[in-house]
Amino acid sequence: MALLQQTRQLMTFLRDNPQIRARIAAPPNSTLVYCGSFMWPAWQEIEELRRTWPQAASKRLLPEVLAGIHTPGQPYPTLLAWAKAVEHPWLDNGFIAWRALSGIYAANAKGAVSFYIASNVTKGKVFAATELPVLCAIPMSMPLPGTCWPTMINA
């Protein structure tokens, strides 16, 4: 299936607006990437963790960053609203849109990057397909200096 018009518009908007791409970033040492689930999806577990663990409260998730980036004159008021609007169908549109946004977010990471990896992580997840390879290319974001094991992600 071809990209839907609204997904194509998002990709074009990102391509044509480097100043917007530069804003898809957490403050230094605040980037948090996540994938999978334990009892609930990882992002919900992170919200709970923030209430009880002070170190987690300072971390920024991609959706929070996107919610703060307004897109006047565009079909949606924020990048988050735009991303959510193109999530379905997932494989043909949502996955592509979130890979683009996640790749930019990971590439813009500065300083330490935190990871929250739960179960059920496969190569077909945005984290494994995009964020992990991008972060592995940034020497300062490695969990262990000089070591990155993207092949450990299950098929």
Protein backbone atom coordinates (compact mmCIF):
# COMPACT_ATOMS: atom_id res chain seq x y z
CA MET A 1 0.00 0.00 0.00
CA ALA A 2 1.23 3.52 -0.78
CA LEU A 3 1.68 6.17 1.87
CA LEU A 4 -1.49 8.02 2.75
CA GLN A 5 -1.56 11.69 1.79
CA GLN A 6 -1.28 12.88 5.41
CA THR A 7 1.75 10.63 5.98
CA ARG A 8 3.38 11.92 2.80
CA GLN A 9 2.68 15.50 4.00
CA LEU A 10 4.37 14.75 7.33
CA MET A 11 7.46 13.32 5.62
CA THR A 12 7.65 16.34 3.30
CA PHE A 13 7.19 18.72 6.24
CA LEU A 14 10.05 17.06 8.13
CA ARG A 15 12.29 17.08 5.07
CA ASP A 16 11.62 20.75 4.32
CA ASN A 17 11.96 22.05 7.90
CA PRO A 18 15.40 21.47 9.40
CA GLN A 19 14.60 23.87 12.25
CA ILE A 20 11.71 21.59 13.26
CA ARG A 21 13.87 18.46 12.96
CA ALA A 22 16.43 20.10 15.27
CA ARG A 23 13.74 20.54 17.93
CA ILE A 24 12.92 16.81 17.99
CA ALA A 25 15.32 16.28 20.87
CA ALA A 26 15.40 15.96 24.62
CA PRO A 27 17.66 18.19 26.70
CA PRO A 28 21.20 16.78 27.18
CA ASN A 29 21.27 13.61 29.29
CA SER A 30 17.46 13.39 29.25
CA THR A 31 16.74 11.19 26.23
CA LEU A 32 14.80 8.05 27.11
CA VAL A 33 14.01 5.41 24.50
CA TYR A 34 11.81 2.46 25.29
CA CYS A 35 10.28 -0.66 23.83
CA GLY A 36 8.13 -3.61 24.75
CA SER A 37 5.97 -4.28 27.77
CA PHE A 38 5.91 -6.07 31.10
CA MET A 39 2.49 -5.68 32.70
CA TRP A 40 1.60 -2.66 30.51
CA PRO A 41 3.21 -0.97 27.51
CA ALA A 42 6.63 0.47 28.42
CA TRP A 43 5.51 4.09 28.17
CA GLN A 44 2.80 3.46 30.79
CA GLU A 45 5.29 1.76 33.08
CA ILE A 46 7.64 4.72 32.69
CA GLU A 47 4.84 7.06 33.80
CA GLU A 48 4.44 4.99 36.96
CA LEU A 49 8.20 4.91 37.52
CA ARG A 50 8.33 8.70 37.35
CA ARG A 51 6.10 8.93 40.40
CA THR A 52 8.42 6.81 42.52
CA TRP A 53 11.92 7.22 41.08
CA PRO A 54 13.31 10.78 40.88
CA GLN A 55 15.89 9.92 38.18
CA ALA A 56 13.10 8.88 35.82
CA ALA A 57 11.19 12.13 36.30
CA SER A 58 13.84 14.15 34.43
CA LYS A 59 13.83 11.92 31.35
CA ARG A 60 11.96 12.92 28.19
CA LEU A 61 10.04 10.58 25.90
CA LEU A 62 9.60 11.26 22.20
CA PRO A 63 5.82 11.81 22.46
CA GLU A 64 6.38 14.51 25.10
CA VAL A 65 8.87 16.28 22.85
CA LEU A 66 6.53 16.03 19.84
CA ALA A 67 3.61 17.42 21.88
CA GLY A 68 5.63 20.58 22.47
CA ILE A 69 6.39 21.20 18.79
CA HIS A 70 3.59 23.24 17.27
CA THR A 71 2.98 23.16 13.52
CA PRO A 72 1.03 26.31 12.62
CA GLY A 73 -0.51 26.26 9.19
CA GLN A 74 -0.28 22.48 8.97
CA PRO A 75 -3.10 19.92 9.12
CA TYR A 76 -2.43 19.15 12.83
CA PRO A 77 -1.55 21.48 15.71
CA THR A 78 1.51 19.55 16.94
CA LEU A 79 3.87 16.91 15.63
CA LEU A 80 2.40 14.46 18.14
CA ALA A 81 -1.12 15.00 16.85
CA TRP A 82 0.15 14.51 13.31
CA ALA A 83 2.02 11.32 14.21
CA LYS A 84 -1.03 9.88 15.97
CA ALA A 85 -3.24 10.76 13.01
CA VAL A 86 -1.11 8.64 10.66
CA GLU A 87 -0.66 5.59 12.91
CA HIS A 88 -3.22 3.53 10.99
CA PRO A 89 -2.67 1.49 8.97
CA TRP A 90 0.40 0.77 11.10
CA LEU A 91 2.64 -1.16 8.69
CA ASP A 92 2.14 1.09 5.71
CA ASN A 93 2.00 4.47 7.42
CA GLY A 94 2.35 4.53 11.20
CA PHE A 95 5.52 2.48 11.31
CA ILE A 96 7.14 4.67 8.65
CA ALA A 97 6.12 7.93 10.35
CA TRP A 98 7.25 6.81 13.82
CA ARG A 99 10.52 5.44 12.41
CA ALA A 100 11.24 8.84 10.86
CA LEU A 101 10.42 10.74 14.05
CA SER A 102 12.22 8.23 16.29
CA GLY A 103 15.29 8.25 14.08
CA ILE A 104 15.49 12.05 14.27
CA TYR A 105 14.97 11.93 18.06
CA ALA A 106 17.72 9.35 18.50
CA ALA A 107 20.11 11.16 16.14
CA ASN A 108 19.60 14.40 18.08
CA ALA A 109 20.40 12.79 21.46
CA LYS A 110 23.11 14.56 23.45
CA GLY A 111 24.96 13.06 26.39
CA ALA A 112 23.74 9.98 28.20
CA VAL A 113 20.77 8.12 26.76
CA SER A 114 18.54 6.03 28.99
CA PHE A 115 16.90 2.81 27.84
CA TYR A 116 13.78 1.08 29.14
CA ILE A 117 13.61 -2.29 27.44
CA ALA A 118 10.83 -4.66 28.39
CA SER A 119 9.84 -7.99 26.84
CA ASN A 120 8.49 -8.76 23.37
CA VAL A 121 11.08 -6.65 21.54
CA THR A 122 11.46 -7.79 17.95
CA LYS A 123 13.17 -6.50 14.82
CA GLY A 124 9.79 -5.20 13.71
CA LYS A 125 9.60 -2.65 16.54
CA VAL A 126 10.58 0.99 15.96
CA PHE A 127 13.22 0.72 18.70
CA ALA A 128 14.99 -2.24 17.10
CA ALA A 129 14.56 -1.07 13.52
CA THR A 130 15.53 2.56 14.03
CA GLU A 131 16.49 3.91 17.46
CA LEU A 132 18.98 1.19 18.37
CA PRO A 133 20.96 1.37 15.10
CA VAL A 134 20.99 5.19 15.20
CA LEU A 135 22.10 5.28 18.84
CA CYS A 136 24.76 2.63 18.21
CA ALA A 137 26.29 5.01 15.67
CA ILE A 138 26.66 7.71 18.36
CA PRO A 139 29.65 6.72 20.56
CA MET A 140 28.44 8.61 23.65
CA SER A 141 25.09 6.82 23.74
CA MET A 142 26.43 3.30 24.17
CA PRO A 143 25.32 1.50 27.34
CA LEU A 144 28.86 0.07 27.44
CA PRO A 145 31.57 2.10 25.65
CA GLY A 146 32.27 0.65 22.23
CA THR A 147 29.74 -2.15 22.59
CA CYS A 148 26.40 -2.49 20.90
CA TRP A 149 24.56 -5.72 20.23
CA PRO A 150 21.65 -5.09 17.83
CA THR A 151 21.75 -8.74 16.77
CA MET A 152 20.47 -9.71 20.23
CA ILE A 153 17.00 -8.50 19.30
CA ASN A 154 14.77 -11.51 18.61
CA ALA A 155 13.40 -12.12 15.13
